[in-house]
Each structure stands twice: as structure tokens, then as C-alpha cells.
Amino acid sequence: MTGAFGLWCAAVVAALTVPAENQQNAVTAAVVLGVGFLWWVVVLRRRLNNGTAGPPNPEHAPPEPP
């Protein structure tokens, strides 16, 4: 399912950015995707691995007081 969704997103982005009239859209899309990827590499990946981002995980929850 994820692969089909990724292909669909790529097709939509390509259709909206490839024509010559939409070159500014291509630049904007590239910058936004680049910033998002950079944030994922630098910040989000570490937070997800540490368990400080995303939905709460009951396995890593502190014990409840009696």
C-alpha cells in the first residue's frame, strides 16, 4: 500500500511541476521536500528511535505509582 501511495504522490508532484508553466512550483516543491527530508535525517529519526516522538509506546512508559 505504501509503495502505491508513494508512486501516486510522485505522479501528482511530477504532473504539477514538470510543465514549463509550473517551473516555480518545481522549485518550491524541491525546497519543501528537501527541508522535510533534512529534518527527518537530522531530528525526527533520532527522536523516533529514542521514543520521544510519535504515539506513546506502553512498553517504554514509566511505571504508574501505586
C-alpha atoms as a PDB file:
ATOM      1  CA  MET A   1       0.000   0.000   0.000  1.00  0.00           C
ATOM      2  CA  THR A   2       2.777   2.421   0.880  1.00  0.00           C
ATOM      3  CA  GLY A   3       4.540   1.835  -2.436  1.00  0.00           C
ATOM      4  CA  ALA A   4       1.386   2.607  -4.425  1.00  0.00           C
ATOM      5  CA  PHE A   5       0.812   5.750  -2.359  1.00  0.00           C
ATOM      6  CA  GLY A   6       4.393   6.877  -2.953  1.00  0.00           C
ATOM      7  CA  LEU A   7       4.038   6.331  -6.688  1.00  0.00           C
ATOM      8  CA  TRP A   8       0.761   8.263  -6.708  1.00  0.00           C
ATOM      9  CA  CYS A   9       2.358  11.179  -4.835  1.00  0.00           C
ATOM     10  CA  ALA A  10       5.332  11.185  -7.199  1.00  0.00           C
ATOM     11  CA  ALA A  11       2.992  11.216 -10.208  1.00  0.00           C
ATOM     12  CA  VAL A  12       0.982  14.130  -8.800  1.00  0.00           C
ATOM     13  CA  VAL A  13       4.099  16.143  -7.953  1.00  0.00           C
ATOM     14  CA  ALA A  14       5.543  15.452 -11.411  1.00  0.00           C
ATOM     15  CA  ALA A  15       2.300  16.432 -13.160  1.00  0.00           C
ATOM     16  CA  LEU A  16       2.173  19.715 -11.255  1.00  0.00           C
ATOM     17  CA  THR A  17       5.843  20.652 -11.599  1.00  0.00           C
ATOM     18  CA  VAL A  18       7.222  19.332 -14.894  1.00  0.00           C
ATOM     19  CA  PRO A  19       5.421  21.580 -17.436  1.00  0.00           C
ATOM     20  CA  ALA A  20       7.280  24.803 -18.275  1.00  0.00           C
ATOM     21  CA  GLU A  21       4.457  26.970 -16.854  1.00  0.00           C
ATOM     22  CA  ASN A  22       4.999  25.396 -13.448  1.00  0.00           C
ATOM     23  CA  GLN A  23       8.758  25.732 -13.048  1.00  0.00           C
ATOM     24  CA  GLN A  24       8.328  27.902  -9.942  1.00  0.00           C
ATOM     25  CA  ASN A  25       6.182  25.137  -8.457  1.00  0.00           C
ATOM     26  CA  ALA A  26       9.004  22.679  -9.156  1.00  0.00           C
ATOM     27  CA  VAL A  27      11.478  24.833  -7.266  1.00  0.00           C
ATOM     28  CA  THR A  28       9.070  25.251  -4.345  1.00  0.00           C
ATOM     29  CA  ALA A  29       8.313  21.518  -4.214  1.00  0.00           C
ATOM     30  CA  ALA A  30      12.015  20.646  -4.321  1.00  0.00           C
ATOM     31  CA  VAL A  31      12.833  23.055  -1.498  1.00  0.00           C
ATOM     32  CA  VAL A  32       9.949  21.858   0.699  1.00  0.00           C
ATOM     33  CA  LEU A  33      10.758  18.176   0.115  1.00  0.00           C
ATOM     34  CA  GLY A  34      14.459  18.829   0.732  1.00  0.00           C
ATOM     35  CA  VAL A  35      13.800  20.639   4.016  1.00  0.00           C
ATOM     36  CA  GLY A  36      11.444  17.864   5.132  1.00  0.00           C
ATOM     37  CA  PHE A  37      13.980  15.163   4.276  1.00  0.00           C
ATOM     38  CA  LEU A  38      16.760  17.053   6.034  1.00  0.00           C
ATOM     39  CA  TRP A  39      14.588  17.461   9.157  1.00  0.00           C
ATOM     40  CA  TRP A  40      13.809  13.746   9.090  1.00  0.00           C
ATOM     41  CA  VAL A  41      17.520  12.844   8.826  1.00  0.00           C
ATOM     42  CA  VAL A  42      18.740  15.297  11.475  1.00  0.00           C
ATOM     43  CA  VAL A  43      15.896  15.392  14.037  1.00  0.00           C
ATOM     44  CA  LEU A  44      12.931  13.084  13.605  1.00  0.00           C
ATOM     45  CA  ARG A  45      14.750   9.800  13.046  1.00  0.00           C
ATOM     46  CA  ARG A  46      16.669  10.189  16.325  1.00  0.00           C
ATOM     47  CA  ARG A  47      13.509  11.155  18.238  1.00  0.00           C
ATOM     48  CA  LEU A  48      11.606   8.158  16.869  1.00  0.00           C
ATOM     49  CA  ASN A  49      14.430   5.804  17.799  1.00  0.00           C
ATOM     50  CA  ASN A  50      14.612   7.290  21.321  1.00  0.00           C
ATOM     51  CA  GLY A  51      10.845   7.054  21.748  1.00  0.00           C
ATOM     52  CA  THR A  52      10.403  10.805  22.301  1.00  0.00           C
ATOM     53  CA  ALA A  53       8.347  11.344  19.138  1.00  0.00           C
ATOM     54  CA  GLY A  54       5.283   9.646  17.778  1.00  0.00           C
ATOM     55  CA  PRO A  55       2.448   7.978  19.652  1.00  0.00           C
ATOM     56  CA  PRO A  56       3.112   6.787  23.196  1.00  0.00           C
ATOM     57  CA  ASN A  57       4.558   3.302  23.467  1.00  0.00           C
ATOM     58  CA  PRO A  58       3.267   1.379  26.515  1.00  0.00           C
ATOM     59  CA  GLU A  59       6.475  -0.670  26.629  1.00  0.00           C
ATOM     60  CA  HIS A  60       8.526   2.475  27.338  1.00  0.00           C
ATOM     61  CA  ALA A  61       6.045   4.152  29.668  1.00  0.00           C
ATOM     62  CA  PRO A  62       7.245   4.880  33.203  1.00  0.00           C
ATOM     63  CA  PRO A  63       5.630   2.698  35.874  1.00  0.00           C
ATOM     64  CA  GLU A  64       2.487   4.127  37.403  1.00  0.00           C
ATOM     65  CA  PRO A  65       2.638   4.919  41.126  1.00  0.00           C
ATOM     66  CA  PRO A  66       0.669   2.555  43.392  1.00  0.00           C
END
